[in-house]
């Protein structure tokens, strides 16, 4: 029995190391996760949207479920939540994966290992200064959790 437990533990560690230390793979035909959350903050309503490239539909659904559970457990101010996996993302959202400045601040997270995914997080209902500050806070939270680079893509000066 001890031998079976040890073997099981070693297999788990091996799989984790494979996911963590192997370089990220380029997803040739990704499925896109779209997670939308409305948050009431005082008399304002803020909408947060997360877009992620998943390896396939099963990967997308698994990650969306994890996110859903995390929000249920940790976001009492969330008014509504929606989770969707889709084969295509609207061009206006797909352009965020180019990491080019536009008219809003957004968080870019690029994968560095096989288990990480390419993610963009956008907030509406905030001033530019508030969005910049929130983006930096999110970077501070995510940076220690993931190996990939995170950056805040800020709006171009108008």
Foldseek 3Di string as FASTA:
>chain_A
DVVVVVVVVVVVVVVVCQQAVAFADDQPQWKKKWKWWWFDDPPFIKIKIKIWTANDDVRQVVVQVVVVVCCVVPPPRTPDMDIDIGRDDPPVVVVVLVLAAAAAKKKWWPATGHNDITMIMGMPRDDRVVRVVVNVVVCVVCVVVGDTDMDIRHHDDD
